[in-house]
Every structure is written in structure tokens, then in C-alpha cells.
Amino acid sequence: MTHMSNPQLNENQLAQAHKLIAKIKKEIETLAKNNPEAIFAFRRKIYKELMYDERSKPMERKKLKDKMRKKQKGLCPLCKQELPEKSAVLDRAEAIKGYLEENVRLICPDCDKKTQEARGFK
């Protein structure tokens, strides 16, 4: 599985993102009528839905983890050790492609940590 780096925004796109975020914040305040509890609830809902776009819903990831565990015969493809029941990680080859069977492997937490460090994360 070849891993690709995540796309980055250029300066112009980053400026556009900041403008969009400011616009969204203002719209949230308007919708919530400046009520702090409603602002909090709107932010949480929007965050959660955007994360689902990025990562898919938890039950979808759980099903994919189960499928990959079976496909990999319960072993981490990197260290060849048995995958733990609870903390195995879906590792995407290309983050932009999402959590699809052909784009992921299920790895153990130790290999995930090493993989993320090798990619410059964490």
C-alpha cells in the first residue's frame, strides 16, 4: 500500500477558508440569536457532520474494521502480530479517498504510532 501525503491549501485557498470560517461563525450567531448554548449546539452539529464527510460515520468504520480484520486474518500487515480487539486503527493510503476497503489497512496501535511519526504527524 503506497501512502500519499495529504493535499495542502495554497495561500489564496487558505485566505478563502478563513473568510468562509468567519462567515459560518457569523451565520451561527445569527441562527442562535447570540444564545451561547445554541451557538455551542450548532458548532457541535456542524463539526460532527463535517467530520462524517471526512471520516465516515462510526458504524461504517466499525463494519470496515471488522471486514479488514477478517481479510487480514486478524493480523497487523506491518508487524504480523495479532490485532487487538479494541484499539486497531484504519490506516488510509490516501486520506482524500476516505475509508474504502481498497484504500485502508487495519493496523495495531504501535504500528500506527510509528507510521504517523514516519509521516511527520504526532
Protein backbone atom coordinates (compact mmCIF):
# COMPACT_ATOMS: atom_id res chain seq x y z
CA MET A 1 0.00 0.00 0.00
CA THR A 2 1.59 3.25 -1.14
CA HIS A 3 0.77 6.27 1.01
CA MET A 4 0.35 9.75 -0.40
CA SER A 5 0.68 12.97 1.55
CA ASN A 6 -2.46 14.96 2.29
CA PRO A 7 -3.30 17.89 -0.01
CA GLN A 8 -2.47 21.32 1.37
CA LEU A 9 -4.15 24.67 0.73
CA ASN A 10 -2.14 27.35 -1.02
CA GLU A 11 -2.09 30.92 0.40
CA ASN A 12 -5.11 32.03 -1.64
CA GLN A 13 -7.14 28.97 -0.68
CA LEU A 14 -6.18 29.41 2.96
CA ALA A 15 -7.37 33.03 2.86
CA GLN A 16 -10.65 31.84 1.31
CA ALA A 17 -11.00 29.22 4.06
CA HIS A 18 -10.55 31.87 6.75
CA LYS A 19 -13.22 34.06 5.12
CA LEU A 20 -15.59 31.08 4.95
CA ILE A 21 -14.99 30.24 8.61
CA ALA A 22 -15.72 33.85 9.62
CA LYS A 23 -18.91 33.77 7.52
CA ILE A 24 -20.02 30.48 9.11
CA LYS A 25 -19.36 31.81 12.62
CA LYS A 26 -21.46 34.90 11.89
CA GLU A 27 -24.26 32.75 10.45
CA ILE A 28 -24.20 30.52 13.55
CA GLU A 29 -24.51 33.58 15.82
CA THR A 30 -27.45 34.79 13.71
CA LEU A 31 -29.20 31.39 13.77
CA ALA A 32 -28.62 31.06 17.51
CA LYS A 33 -29.68 34.63 18.21
CA ASN A 34 -26.42 35.02 20.18
CA ASN A 35 -27.57 32.35 22.69
CA PRO A 36 -24.36 30.68 23.97
CA GLU A 37 -26.00 27.25 24.40
CA ALA A 38 -27.43 27.35 20.88
CA ILE A 39 -24.09 28.57 19.45
CA PHE A 40 -22.40 25.62 21.16
CA ALA A 41 -25.01 23.15 19.85
CA PHE A 42 -24.81 24.49 16.26
CA ARG A 43 -20.99 24.33 16.32
CA ARG A 44 -21.04 20.75 17.62
CA LYS A 45 -23.57 19.62 15.00
CA ILE A 46 -21.70 21.26 12.12
CA TYR A 47 -18.36 19.88 13.34
CA LYS A 48 -19.78 16.36 13.65
CA GLU A 49 -21.35 16.39 10.19
CA LEU A 50 -18.15 17.73 8.57
CA MET A 51 -16.13 15.03 10.36
CA TYR A 52 -18.50 12.40 8.96
CA ASP A 53 -17.72 13.77 5.50
CA GLU A 54 -14.02 13.33 6.29
CA ARG A 55 -14.04 10.07 8.27
CA SER A 56 -17.48 8.48 7.62
CA LYS A 57 -19.86 7.54 10.41
CA PRO A 58 -18.62 5.43 13.33
CA MET A 59 -20.76 2.39 12.47
CA GLU A 60 -19.49 2.45 8.87
CA ARG A 61 -15.89 2.47 10.16
CA LYS A 62 -16.68 -0.33 12.61
CA LYS A 63 -18.07 -2.51 9.80
CA LEU A 64 -14.99 -1.78 7.70
CA LYS A 65 -12.69 -2.64 10.63
CA ASP A 66 -14.49 -5.97 11.04
CA LYS A 67 -14.18 -6.68 7.32
CA MET A 68 -10.48 -5.79 7.24
CA ARG A 69 -9.79 -7.86 10.37
CA LYS A 70 -11.26 -10.91 8.60
CA LYS A 71 -9.50 -10.13 5.33
CA GLN A 72 -6.14 -9.78 7.14
CA LYS A 73 -6.80 -12.93 9.21
CA GLY A 74 -6.60 -10.91 12.44
CA LEU A 75 -3.01 -9.81 11.85
CA CYS A 76 -1.39 -6.40 11.51
CA PRO A 77 0.06 -6.27 7.98
CA LEU A 78 3.13 -4.38 9.22
CA CYS A 79 4.38 -6.29 12.28
CA LYS A 80 2.44 -9.51 11.61
CA GLN A 81 1.25 -9.59 15.25
CA GLU A 82 -2.35 -10.29 16.27
CA LEU A 83 -4.54 -7.18 16.14
CA PRO A 84 -6.02 -6.06 19.47
CA GLU A 85 -9.80 -6.28 19.78
CA LYS A 86 -10.45 -2.64 20.62
CA SER A 87 -7.67 -0.29 19.53
CA ALA A 88 -6.78 -1.35 15.98
CA VAL A 89 -6.61 1.60 13.56
CA LEU A 90 -7.85 2.01 9.99
CA ASP A 91 -4.88 3.45 8.12
CA ARG A 92 -5.73 5.19 4.84
CA ALA A 93 -3.32 5.12 1.92
CA GLU A 94 -4.81 8.37 0.59
CA ALA A 95 -6.81 10.37 3.14
CA ILE A 96 -8.73 12.15 0.38
CA LYS A 97 -10.20 8.83 -0.84
CA GLY A 98 -11.76 8.14 2.54
CA TYR A 99 -12.44 4.89 4.33
CA LEU A 100 -12.90 2.44 1.49
CA GLU A 101 -11.75 -1.18 1.57
CA GLU A 102 -9.29 -0.64 -1.27
CA ASN A 103 -7.80 2.41 0.49
CA VAL A 104 -7.26 1.07 4.03
CA ARG A 105 -5.45 -1.47 6.11
CA LEU A 106 -6.13 -2.31 9.75
CA ILE A 107 -3.01 -1.86 11.87
CA CYS A 108 -2.11 -2.21 15.54
CA PRO A 109 -1.68 0.91 17.72
CA ASP A 110 2.12 0.54 17.90
CA CYS A 111 2.45 0.37 14.11
CA ASP A 112 0.01 3.29 13.78
CA LYS A 113 2.19 5.40 16.09
CA LYS A 114 5.33 4.52 14.10
CA THR A 115 3.53 5.15 10.79
CA GLN A 116 2.24 8.54 11.91
CA GLU A 117 5.67 9.56 13.21
CA ALA A 118 7.27 8.48 9.91
CA ARG A 119 4.75 10.69 8.08
CA GLY A 120 5.61 13.65 10.30
CA PHE A 121 2.44 13.59 12.42
CA LYS A 122 2.10 13.46 16.22
